């Protein structure tokens, strides 16, 4: 079983987070994860985009430190690293998620 690498909280950079959130698809993924209140499989995040496109978006979200993906059996379970991001950059995710509800 392969393990997916995630940056530590010390490695999180605000510029990477903002870059990741600048894309509407990635912003939608983050909002879905935040509103779900639980881990979601890649299949549960159906945005009518090709699998390769979704894989690319998840890679960027993971690299920025916004999403954690754990492999459980054959499923890739995704969760928002909300508390970790908010710990390092207080208010960033709250503000972004609040703004998405107004769109």
PDB file of N, CA and C in Angstrom:
ATOM      1  N   UNK A   1       0.838  -1.173   0.000  1.00  0.00           N
ATOM      2  CA  UNK A   1       0.000   0.000   0.000  1.00  0.00           C
ATOM      3  C   UNK A   1       0.887   1.242   0.000  1.00  0.00           C
ATOM      4  N   UNK A   2       0.607   2.164  -0.905  1.00  0.00           N
ATOM      5  CA  UNK A   2       1.409   3.373  -0.946  1.00  0.00           C
ATOM      6  C   UNK A   2       0.812   4.434  -0.025  1.00  0.00           C
ATOM      7  N   UNK A   3       1.678   5.248   0.501  1.00  0.00           N
ATOM      8  CA  UNK A   3       1.265   6.309   1.401  1.00  0.00           C
ATOM      9  C   UNK A   3       1.392   7.638   0.672  1.00  0.00           C
ATOM     10  N   UNK A   4       0.425   8.500   0.855  1.00  0.00           N
ATOM     11  CA  UNK A   4       0.436   9.808   0.207  1.00  0.00           C
ATOM     12  C   UNK A   4       1.125  10.802   1.136  1.00  0.00           C
ATOM     13  N   UNK A   5       2.043  11.606   0.585  1.00  0.00           N
ATOM     14  CA  UNK A   5       2.771  12.588   1.376  1.00  0.00           C
ATOM     15  C   UNK A   5       1.944  13.861   1.541  1.00  0.00           C
ATOM     16  N   UNK A   6       2.019  14.414   2.751  1.00  0.00           N
ATOM     17  CA  UNK A   6       1.354  15.671   3.057  1.00  0.00           C
ATOM     18  C   UNK A   6       2.355  16.590   3.759  1.00  0.00           C
ATOM     19  N   UNK A   7       2.272  17.893   3.507  1.00  0.00           N
ATOM     20  CA  UNK A   7       3.180  18.794   4.214  1.00  0.00           C
ATOM     21  C   UNK A   7       2.805  18.887   5.697  1.00  0.00           C
ATOM     22  N   UNK A   8       3.811  19.132   6.521  1.00  0.00           N
ATOM     23  CA  UNK A   8       3.554  19.357   7.933  1.00  0.00           C
ATOM     24  C   UNK A   8       3.004  20.767   8.111  1.00  0.00           C
ATOM     25  N   UNK A   9       2.482  21.058   9.282  1.00  0.00           N
ATOM     26  CA  UNK A   9       1.940  22.393   9.541  1.00  0.00           C
ATOM     27  C   UNK A   9       3.028  23.462   9.384  1.00  0.00           C
ATOM     28  N   UNK A  10       4.262  23.111   9.738  1.00  0.00           N
ATOM     29  CA  UNK A  10       5.363  24.061   9.604  1.00  0.00           C
ATOM     30  C   UNK A  10       5.670  24.377   8.143  1.00  0.00           C
ATOM     31  N   UNK A  11       5.351  23.465   7.257  1.00  0.00           N
ATOM     32  CA  UNK A  11       5.639  23.644   5.832  1.00  0.00           C
ATOM     33  C   UNK A  11       4.540  24.409   5.089  1.00  0.00           C
ATOM     34  N   UNK A  12       3.410  24.646   5.724  1.00  0.00           N
ATOM     35  CA  UNK A  12       2.315  25.343   5.053  1.00  0.00           C
ATOM     36  C   UNK A  12       2.708  26.782   4.753  1.00  0.00           C
ATOM     37  N   UNK A  13       2.456  27.197   3.526  1.00  0.00           N
ATOM     38  CA  UNK A  13       2.753  28.556   3.085  1.00  0.00           C
ATOM     39  C   UNK A  13       1.454  29.214   2.625  1.00  0.00           C
ATOM     40  N   UNK A  14       1.225  30.430   3.070  1.00  0.00           N
ATOM     41  CA  UNK A  14       0.000  31.140   2.717  1.00  0.00           C
ATOM     42  C   UNK A  14      -0.138  31.309   1.205  1.00  0.00           C
ATOM     43  N   UNK A  15       0.964  31.549   0.512  1.00  0.00           N
ATOM     44  CA  UNK A  15       0.895  31.719  -0.944  1.00  0.00           C
ATOM     45  C   UNK A  15       0.417  30.440  -1.633  1.00  0.00           C
ATOM     46  N   UNK A  16       0.853  29.279  -1.144  1.00  0.00           N
ATOM     47  CA  UNK A  16       0.399  28.006  -1.718  1.00  0.00           C
ATOM     48  C   UNK A  16      -1.093  27.789  -1.451  1.00  0.00           C
ATOM     49  N   UNK A  17      -1.529  28.135  -0.259  1.00  0.00           N
ATOM     50  CA  UNK A  17      -2.946  27.986   0.099  1.00  0.00           C
ATOM     51  C   UNK A  17      -3.811  28.878  -0.782  1.00  0.00           C
ATOM     52  N   UNK A  18      -3.400  30.128  -0.928  1.00  0.00           N
ATOM     53  CA  UNK A  18      -4.200  31.063  -1.732  1.00  0.00           C
ATOM     54  C   UNK A  18      -4.195  30.667  -3.211  1.00  0.00           C
ATOM     55  N   UNK A  19      -3.060  30.174  -3.707  1.00  0.00           N
ATOM     56  CA  UNK A  19      -3.008  29.683  -5.090  1.00  0.00           C
ATOM     57  C   UNK A  19      -4.002  28.538  -5.280  1.00  0.00           C
ATOM     58  N   UNK A  20      -3.995  27.590  -4.343  1.00  0.00           N
ATOM     59  CA  UNK A  20      -4.890  26.438  -4.449  1.00  0.00           C
ATOM     60  C   UNK A  20      -6.351  26.875  -4.412  1.00  0.00           C
ATOM     61  N   UNK A  21      -6.662  27.858  -3.584  1.00  0.00           N
ATOM     62  CA  UNK A  21      -8.051  28.312  -3.452  1.00  0.00           C
ATOM     63  C   UNK A  21      -8.492  29.254  -4.571  1.00  0.00           C
ATOM     64  N   UNK A  22      -7.563  29.689  -5.411  1.00  0.00           N
ATOM     65  CA  UNK A  22      -7.899  30.606  -6.496  1.00  0.00           C
ATOM     66  C   UNK A  22      -8.645  29.925  -7.638  1.00  0.00           C
ATOM     67  N   UNK A  23      -8.587  28.615  -7.704  1.00  0.00           N
ATOM     68  CA  UNK A  23      -9.261  27.877  -8.777  1.00  0.00           C
ATOM     69  C   UNK A  23     -10.680  27.514  -8.328  1.00  0.00           C
ATOM     70  N   UNK A  24     -11.696  27.788  -9.146  1.00  0.00           N
ATOM     71  CA  UNK A  24     -13.085  27.514  -8.757  1.00  0.00           C
ATOM     72  C   UNK A  24     -13.365  26.042  -8.435  1.00  0.00           C
ATOM     73  N   UNK A  25     -12.741  25.132  -9.155  1.00  0.00           N
ATOM     74  CA  UNK A  25     -12.955  23.705  -8.881  1.00  0.00           C
ATOM     75  C   UNK A  25     -12.389  23.326  -7.528  1.00  0.00           C
ATOM     76  N   UNK A  26     -11.185  23.784  -7.250  1.00  0.00           N
ATOM     77  CA  UNK A  26     -10.578  23.467  -5.954  1.00  0.00           C
ATOM     78  C   UNK A  26     -11.332  24.132  -4.813  1.00  0.00           C
ATOM     79  N   UNK A  27     -11.805  25.323  -5.033  1.00  0.00           N
ATOM     80  CA  UNK A  27     -12.603  26.009  -4.027  1.00  0.00           C
ATOM     81  C   UNK A  27     -13.889  25.231  -3.749  1.00  0.00           C
ATOM     82  N   UNK A  28     -14.481  24.690  -4.791  1.00  0.00           N
ATOM     83  CA  UNK A  28     -15.688  23.881  -4.634  1.00  0.00           C
ATOM     84  C   UNK A  28     -15.397  22.594  -3.855  1.00  0.00           C
ATOM     85  N   UNK A  29     -14.270  21.971  -4.124  1.00  0.00           N
ATOM     86  CA  UNK A  29     -13.873  20.764  -3.390  1.00  0.00           C
ATOM     87  C   UNK A  29     -13.717  21.089  -1.902  1.00  0.00           C
ATOM     88  N   UNK A  30     -13.022  22.177  -1.599  1.00  0.00           N
ATOM     89  CA  UNK A  30     -12.807  22.585  -0.208  1.00  0.00           C
ATOM     90  C   UNK A  30     -14.145  22.860   0.478  1.00  0.00           C
ATOM     91  N   UNK A  31     -15.040  23.550  -0.209  1.00  0.00           N
ATOM     92  CA  UNK A  31     -16.357  23.850   0.363  1.00  0.00           C
ATOM     93  C   UNK A  31     -17.154  22.568   0.622  1.00  0.00           C
ATOM     94  N   UNK A  32     -17.102  21.622  -0.307  1.00  0.00           N
ATOM     95  CA  UNK A  32     -17.805  20.344  -0.117  1.00  0.00           C
ATOM     96  C   UNK A  32     -17.261  19.589   1.088  1.00  0.00           C
ATOM     97  N   UNK A  33     -15.942  19.561   1.220  1.00  0.00           N
ATOM     98  CA  UNK A  33     -15.330  18.877   2.359  1.00  0.00           C
ATOM     99  C   UNK A  33     -15.687  19.579   3.669  1.00  0.00           C
ATOM    100  N   UNK A  34     -15.683  20.900   3.653  1.00  0.00           N
ATOM    101  CA  UNK A  34     -16.009  21.660   4.869  1.00  0.00           C
ATOM    102  C   UNK A  34     -17.459  21.445   5.282  1.00  0.00           C
ATOM    103  N   UNK A  35     -18.350  21.411   4.312  1.00  0.00           N
ATOM    104  CA  UNK A  35     -19.780  21.271   4.612  1.00  0.00           C
ATOM    105  C   UNK A  35     -20.199  19.847   4.924  1.00  0.00           C
ATOM    106  N   UNK A  36     -19.391  18.873   4.522  1.00  0.00           N
ATOM    107  CA  UNK A  36     -19.759  17.472   4.738  1.00  0.00           C
ATOM    108  C   UNK A  36     -19.627  17.064   6.203  1.00  0.00           C
ATOM    109  N   UNK A  37     -18.628  17.613   6.874  1.00  0.00           N
ATOM    110  CA  UNK A  37     -18.396  17.246   8.261  1.00  0.00           C
ATOM    111  C   UNK A  37     -17.803  15.859   8.438  1.00  0.00           C
ATOM    112  N   UNK A  38     -17.356  15.258   7.340  1.00  0.00           N
ATOM    113  CA  UNK A  38     -16.766  13.917   7.400  1.00  0.00           C
ATOM    114  C   UNK A  38     -15.812  13.749   6.224  1.00  0.00           C
ATOM    115  N   UNK A  39     -15.078  12.646   6.238  1.00  0.00           N
ATOM    116  CA  UNK A  39     -14.203  12.319   5.114  1.00  0.00           C
ATOM    117  C   UNK A  39     -15.067  11.916   3.927  1.00  0.00           C
ATOM    118  N   UNK A  40     -14.634  12.292   2.739  1.00  0.00           N
ATOM    119  CA  UNK A  40     -15.349  11.921   1.512  1.00  0.00           C
ATOM    120  C   UNK A  40     -14.404  11.182   0.573  1.00  0.00           C
ATOM    121  N   UNK A  41     -14.952  10.205  -0.123  1.00  0.00           N
ATOM    122  CA  UNK A  41     -14.165   9.528  -1.151  1.00  0.00           C
ATOM    123  C   UNK A  41     -14.108  10.424  -2.377  1.00  0.00           C
ATOM    124  N   UNK A  42     -13.158  10.145  -3.240  1.00  0.00           N
ATOM    125  CA  UNK A  42     -13.056  10.912  -4.483  1.00  0.00           C
ATOM    126  C   UNK A  42     -14.349  10.795  -5.288  1.00  0.00           C
ATOM    127  N   UNK A  43     -14.962   9.618  -5.271  1.00  0.00           N
ATOM    128  CA  UNK A  43     -16.206   9.394  -6.005  1.00  0.00           C
ATOM    129  C   UNK A  43     -17.373  10.194  -5.467  1.00  0.00           C
ATOM    130  N   UNK A  44     -17.351  10.504  -4.180  1.00  0.00           N
ATOM    131  CA  UNK A  44     -18.433  11.295  -3.582  1.00  0.00           C
ATOM    132  C   UNK A  44     -18.338  12.773  -3.955  1.00  0.00           C
ATOM    133  N   UNK A  45     -17.171  13.178  -4.401  1.00  0.00           N
ATOM    134  CA  UNK A  45     -16.974  14.568  -4.820  1.00  0.00           C
ATOM    135  C   UNK A  45     -17.099  14.594  -6.333  1.00  0.00           C
ATOM    136  N   UNK A  46     -18.325  14.532  -6.795  1.00  0.00           N
ATOM    137  CA  UNK A  46     -18.621  14.446  -8.222  1.00  0.00           C
ATOM    138  C   UNK A  46     -18.897  15.845  -8.761  1.00  0.00           C
ATOM    139  N   UNK A  47     -17.928  16.388  -9.484  1.00  0.00           N
ATOM    140  CA  UNK A  47     -18.075  17.728 -10.044  1.00  0.00           C
ATOM    141  C   UNK A  47     -18.160  17.690 -11.571  1.00  0.00           C
ATOM    142  N   UNK A  48     -18.500  16.527 -12.113  1.00  0.00           N
ATOM    143  CA  UNK A  48     -18.625  16.345 -13.566  1.00  0.00           C
ATOM    144  C   UNK A  48     -17.362  16.754 -14.321  1.00  0.00           C
ATOM    145  N   UNK A  49     -16.235  16.352 -13.784  1.00  0.00           N
ATOM    146  CA  UNK A  49     -14.964  16.608 -14.432  1.00  0.00           C
ATOM    147  C   UNK A  49     -14.231  15.285 -14.601  1.00  0.00           C
ATOM    148  N   UNK A  50     -13.346  15.195 -15.582  1.00  0.00           N
ATOM    149  CA  UNK A  50     -12.605  13.946 -15.784  1.00  0.00           C
ATOM    150  C   UNK A  50     -11.793  13.568 -14.548  1.00  0.00           C
ATOM    151  N   UNK A  51     -11.601  12.272 -14.363  1.00  0.00           N
ATOM    152  CA  UNK A  51     -10.841  11.770 -13.216  1.00  0.00           C
ATOM    153  C   UNK A  51      -9.438  12.360 -13.184  1.00  0.00           C
ATOM    154  N   UNK A  52      -8.810  12.491 -14.348  1.00  0.00           N
ATOM    155  CA  UNK A  52      -7.453  13.049 -14.392  1.00  0.00           C
ATOM    156  C   UNK A  52      -7.442  14.506 -13.917  1.00  0.00           C
ATOM    157  N   UNK A  53      -8.469  15.246 -14.253  1.00  0.00           N
ATOM    158  CA  UNK A  53      -8.577  16.637 -13.805  1.00  0.00           C
ATOM    159  C   UNK A  53      -8.766  16.711 -12.299  1.00  0.00           C
ATOM    160  N   UNK A  54      -9.613  15.841 -11.770  1.00  0.00           N
ATOM    161  CA  UNK A  54      -9.848  15.819 -10.323  1.00  0.00           C
ATOM    162  C   UNK A  54      -8.586  15.405  -9.581  1.00  0.00           C
ATOM    163  N   UNK A  55      -7.848  14.441 -10.125  1.00  0.00           N
ATOM    164  CA  UNK A  55      -6.593  14.016  -9.501  1.00  0.00           C
ATOM    165  C   UNK A  55      -5.609  15.185  -9.419  1.00  0.00           C
ATOM    166  N   UNK A  56      -5.552  15.961 -10.485  1.00  0.00           N
ATOM    167  CA  UNK A  56      -4.678  17.138 -10.518  1.00  0.00           C
ATOM    168  C   UNK A  56      -5.084  18.138  -9.427  1.00  0.00           C
ATOM    169  N   UNK A  57      -6.378  18.402  -9.306  1.00  0.00           N
ATOM    170  CA  UNK A  57      -6.856  19.354  -8.301  1.00  0.00           C
ATOM    171  C   UNK A  57      -6.568  18.858  -6.882  1.00  0.00           C
ATOM    172  N   UNK A  58      -6.763  17.566  -6.635  1.00  0.00           N
ATOM    173  CA  UNK A  58      -6.473  17.018  -5.311  1.00  0.00           C
ATOM    174  C   UNK A  58      -4.979  17.101  -5.007  1.00  0.00           C
ATOM    175  N   UNK A  59      -4.149  16.885  -6.012  1.00  0.00           N
ATOM    176  CA  UNK A  59      -2.696  16.975  -5.809  1.00  0.00           C
ATOM    177  C   UNK A  59      -2.307  18.381  -5.364  1.00  0.00           C
ATOM    178  N   UNK A  60      -2.869  19.386  -5.991  1.00  0.00           N
ATOM    179  CA  UNK A  60      -2.567  20.772  -5.626  1.00  0.00           C
ATOM    180  C   UNK A  60      -3.086  21.092  -4.224  1.00  0.00           C
ATOM    181  N   UNK A  61      -4.293  20.622  -3.912  1.00  0.00           N
ATOM    182  CA  UNK A  61      -4.859  20.855  -2.576  1.00  0.00           C
ATOM    183  C   UNK A  61      -4.017  20.172  -1.493  1.00  0.00           C
ATOM    184  N   UNK A  62      -3.539  18.961  -1.779  1.00  0.00           N
ATOM    185  CA  UNK A  62      -2.672  18.259  -0.819  1.00  0.00           C
ATOM    186  C   UNK A  62      -1.339  18.981  -0.670  1.00  0.00           C
ATOM    187  N   UNK A  63      -0.756  19.396  -1.780  1.00  0.00           N
ATOM    188  CA  UNK A  63       0.539  20.084  -1.747  1.00  0.00           C
ATOM    189  C   UNK A  63       0.470  21.386  -0.954  1.00  0.00           C
ATOM    190  N   UNK A  64      -0.671  22.057  -1.028  1.00  0.00           N
ATOM    191  CA  UNK A  64      -0.857  23.306  -0.288  1.00  0.00           C
ATOM    192  C   UNK A  64      -1.139  23.046   1.186  1.00  0.00           C
ATOM    193  N   UNK A  65      -1.456  21.803   1.521  1.00  0.00           N
ATOM    194  CA  UNK A  65      -1.748  21.457   2.906  1.00  0.00           C
ATOM    195  C   UNK A  65      -3.198  21.604   3.288  1.00  0.00           C
ATOM    196  N   UNK A  66      -4.069  21.790   2.310  1.00  0.00           N
ATOM    197  CA  UNK A  66      -5.489  21.986   2.603  1.00  0.00           C
ATOM    198  C   UNK A  66      -6.254  20.684   2.787  1.00  0.00           C
ATOM    199  N   UNK A  67      -5.836  19.656   2.076  1.00  0.00           N
ATOM    200  CA  UNK A  67      -6.557  18.380   2.092  1.00  0.00           C
ATOM    201  C   UNK A  67      -5.614  17.262   2.505  1.00  0.00           C
ATOM    202  N   UNK A  68      -6.149  16.354   3.299  1.00  0.00           N
ATOM    203  CA  UNK A  68      -5.418  15.146   3.664  1.00  0.00           C
ATOM    204  C   UNK A  68      -6.141  13.971   3.021  1.00  0.00           C
ATOM    205  N   UNK A  69      -5.406  13.126   2.332  1.00  0.00           N
ATOM    206  CA  UNK A  69      -5.974  11.952   1.694  1.00  0.00           C
ATOM    207  C   UNK A  69      -5.367  10.710   2.333  1.00  0.00           C
ATOM    208  N   UNK A  70      -6.218   9.876   2.889  1.00  0.00           N
ATOM    209  CA  UNK A  70      -5.790   8.622   3.498  1.00  0.00           C
ATOM    210  C   UNK A  70      -6.346   7.473   2.677  1.00  0.00           C
ATOM    211  N   UNK A  71      -5.534   6.455   2.481  1.00  0.00           N
ATOM    212  CA  UNK A  71      -5.981   5.283   1.732  1.00  0.00           C
ATOM    213  C   UNK A  71      -6.506   4.268   2.733  1.00  0.00           C
ATOM    214  N   UNK A  72      -7.785   3.937   2.591  1.00  0.00           N
ATOM    215  CA  UNK A  72      -8.439   2.943   3.451  1.00  0.00           C
ATOM    216  C   UNK A  72      -8.966   1.840   2.540  1.00  0.00           C
ATOM    217  N   UNK A  73      -8.222   0.746   2.476  1.00  0.00           N
ATOM    218  CA  UNK A  73      -8.584  -0.327   1.554  1.00  0.00           C
ATOM    219  C   UNK A  73      -8.381   0.157   0.134  1.00  0.00           C
ATOM    220  N   UNK A  74      -9.458   0.170  -0.639  1.00  0.00           N
ATOM    221  CA  UNK A  74      -9.380   0.640  -2.023  1.00  0.00           C
ATOM    222  C   UNK A  74      -9.855   2.078  -2.174  1.00  0.00           C
ATOM    223  N   UNK A  75     -10.295   2.675  -1.083  1.00  0.00           N
ATOM    224  CA  UNK A  75     -10.840   4.034  -1.134  1.00  0.00           C
ATOM    225  C   UNK A  75      -9.796   5.073  -0.733  1.00  0.00           C
ATOM    226  N   UNK A  76      -9.861   6.223  -1.375  1.00  0.00           N
ATOM    227  CA  UNK A  76      -9.068   7.384  -0.991  1.00  0.00           C
ATOM    228  C   UNK A  76     -10.014   8.310  -0.234  1.00  0.00           C
ATOM    229  N   UNK A  77      -9.786   8.434   1.069  1.00  0.00           N
ATOM    230  CA  UNK A  77     -10.646   9.241   1.919  1.00  0.00           C
ATOM    231  C   UNK A  77     -10.009  10.623   2.098  1.00  0.00           C
ATOM    232  N   UNK A  78     -10.785  11.651   1.757  1.00  0.00           N
ATOM    233  CA  UNK A  78     -10.289  13.022   1.774  1.00  0.00           C
ATOM    234  C   UNK A  78     -10.953  13.819   2.889  1.00  0.00           C
ATOM    235  N   UNK A  79     -10.132  14.594   3.583  1.00  0.00           N
ATOM    236  CA  UNK A  79     -10.668  15.483   4.610  1.00  0.00           C
ATOM    237  C   UNK A  79      -9.953  16.822   4.536  1.00  0.00           C
ATOM    238  N   UNK A  80     -10.648  17.847   4.968  1.00  0.00           N
ATOM    239  CA  UNK A  80     -10.098  19.189   5.002  1.00  0.00           C
ATOM    240  C   UNK A  80      -9.249  19.341   6.258  1.00  0.00           C
ATOM    241  N   UNK A  81      -8.066  19.883   6.126  1.00  0.00           N
ATOM    242  CA  UNK A  81      -7.183  20.095   7.275  1.00  0.00           C
ATOM    243  C   UNK A  81      -7.502  21.456   7.912  1.00  0.00           C
ATOM    244  N   UNK A  82      -8.760  21.650   8.198  1.00  0.00           N
ATOM    245  CA  UNK A  82      -9.270  22.936   8.656  1.00  0.00           C
ATOM    246  C   UNK A  82      -8.550  23.426   9.910  1.00  0.00           C
ATOM    247  N   UNK A  83      -8.522  22.611  10.946  1.00  0.00           N
ATOM    248  CA  UNK A  83      -7.933  23.039  12.219  1.00  0.00           C
ATOM    249  C   UNK A  83      -6.450  23.362  12.095  1.00  0.00           C
ATOM    250  N   UNK A  84      -5.729  22.572  11.321  1.00  0.00           N
ATOM    251  CA  UNK A  84      -4.298  22.812  11.147  1.00  0.00           C
ATOM    252  C   UNK A  84      -4.029  24.124  10.407  1.00  0.00           C
ATOM    253  N   UNK A  85      -4.805  24.343   9.338  1.00  0.00           N
ATOM    254  CA  UNK A  85      -4.627  25.580   8.563  1.00  0.00           C
ATOM    255  C   UNK A  85      -5.016  26.786   9.413  1.00  0.00           C
ATOM    256  N   UNK A  86      -6.121  26.681  10.129  1.00  0.00           N
ATOM    257  CA  UNK A  86      -6.576  27.786  10.972  1.00  0.00           C
ATOM    258  C   UNK A  86      -5.602  28.057  12.121  1.00  0.00           C
ATOM    259  N   UNK A  87      -4.930  27.013  12.588  1.00  0.00           N
ATOM    260  CA  UNK A  87      -3.940  27.191  13.653  1.00  0.00           C
ATOM    261  C   UNK A  87      -2.779  28.053  13.164  1.00  0.00           C
ATOM    262  N   UNK A  88      -2.327  27.778  11.940  1.00  0.00           N
ATOM    263  CA  UNK A  88      -1.188  28.524  11.403  1.00  0.00           C
ATOM    264  C   UNK A  88      -1.605  29.879  10.841  1.00  0.00           C
ATOM    265  N   UNK A  89      -2.745  29.925  10.169  1.00  0.00           N
ATOM    266  CA  UNK A  89      -3.231  31.159   9.546  1.00  0.00           C
ATOM    267  C   UNK A  89      -4.669  31.417  10.001  1.00  0.00           C
ATOM    268  N   UNK A  90      -4.834  31.949  11.205  1.00  0.00           N
ATOM    269  CA  UNK A  90      -6.176  32.144  11.774  1.00  0.00           C
ATOM    270  C   UNK A  90      -7.086  32.976  10.871  1.00  0.00           C
ATOM    271  N   UNK A  91      -8.281  32.442  10.647  1.00  0.00           N
ATOM    272  CA  UNK A  91      -9.304  33.156   9.897  1.00  0.00           C
ATOM    273  C   UNK A  91      -9.282  32.962   8.398  1.00  0.00           C
ATOM    274  N   UNK A  92      -8.222  32.402   7.852  1.00  0.00           N
ATOM    275  CA  UNK A  92      -8.114  32.286   6.387  1.00  0.00           C
ATOM    276  C   UNK A  92      -9.219  31.395   5.820  1.00  0.00           C
ATOM    277  N   UNK A  93      -9.297  30.162   6.298  1.00  0.00           N
ATOM    278  CA  UNK A  93     -10.317  29.260   5.746  1.00  0.00           C
ATOM    279  C   UNK A  93     -11.726  29.711   6.116  1.00  0.00           C
ATOM    280  N   UNK A  94     -11.908  30.205   7.327  1.00  0.00           N
ATOM    281  CA  UNK A  94     -13.224  30.713   7.706  1.00  0.00           C
ATOM    282  C   UNK A  94     -13.685  31.807   6.764  1.00  0.00           C
ATOM    283  N   UNK A  95     -12.800  32.734   6.452  1.00  0.00           N
ATOM    284  CA  UNK A  95     -13.139  33.849   5.557  1.00  0.00           C
ATOM    285  C   UNK A  95     -13.454  33.369   4.141  1.00  0.00           C
ATOM    286  N   UNK A  96     -12.633  32.464   3.651  1.00  0.00           N
ATOM    287  CA  UNK A  96     -12.838  31.951   2.286  1.00  0.00           C
ATOM    288  C   UNK A  96     -14.153  31.178   2.206  1.00  0.00           C
ATOM    289  N   UNK A  97     -14.406  30.321   3.171  1.00  0.00           N
ATOM    290  CA  UNK A  97     -15.641  29.533   3.163  1.00  0.00           C
ATOM    291  C   UNK A  97     -16.870  30.414   3.338  1.00  0.00           C
ATOM    292  N   UNK A  98     -16.756  31.427   4.151  1.00  0.00           N
ATOM    293  CA  UNK A  98     -17.858  32.375   4.343  1.00  0.00           C
ATOM    294  C   UNK A  98     -18.167  33.092   3.026  1.00  0.00           C
ATOM    295  N   UNK A  99     -17.122  33.485   2.310  1.00  0.00           N
ATOM    296  CA  UNK A  99     -17.296  34.183   1.033  1.00  0.00           C
ATOM    297  C   UNK A  99     -17.928  33.280  -0.020  1.00  0.00           C
ATOM    298  N   UNK A 100     -17.640  31.973   0.014  1.00  0.00           N
ATOM    299  CA  UNK A 100     -18.216  31.066  -0.998  1.00  0.00           C
ATOM    300  C   UNK A 100     -19.712  30.940  -0.814  1.00  0.00           C
ATOM    301  N   UNK A 101     -20.207  31.096   0.392  1.00  0.00           N
ATOM    302  CA  UNK A 101     -21.639  30.991   0.647  1.00  0.00           C
ATOM    303  C   UNK A 101     -22.397  32.187   0.083  1.00  0.00           C
ATOM    304  N   UNK A 102     -21.686  33.280  -0.172  1.00  0.00           N
ATOM    305  CA  UNK A 102     -22.312  34.492  -0.710  1.00  0.00           C
ATOM    306  C   UNK A 102     -22.332  34.496  -2.237  1.00  0.00           C
ATOM    307  N   UNK A 103     -21.610  33.547  -2.847  1.00  0.00           N
ATOM    308  CA  UNK A 103     -21.533  33.498  -4.318  1.00  0.00           C
ATOM    309  C   UNK A 103     -22.776  32.888  -4.911  1.00  0.00           C
TER     310      UNK A 103
END
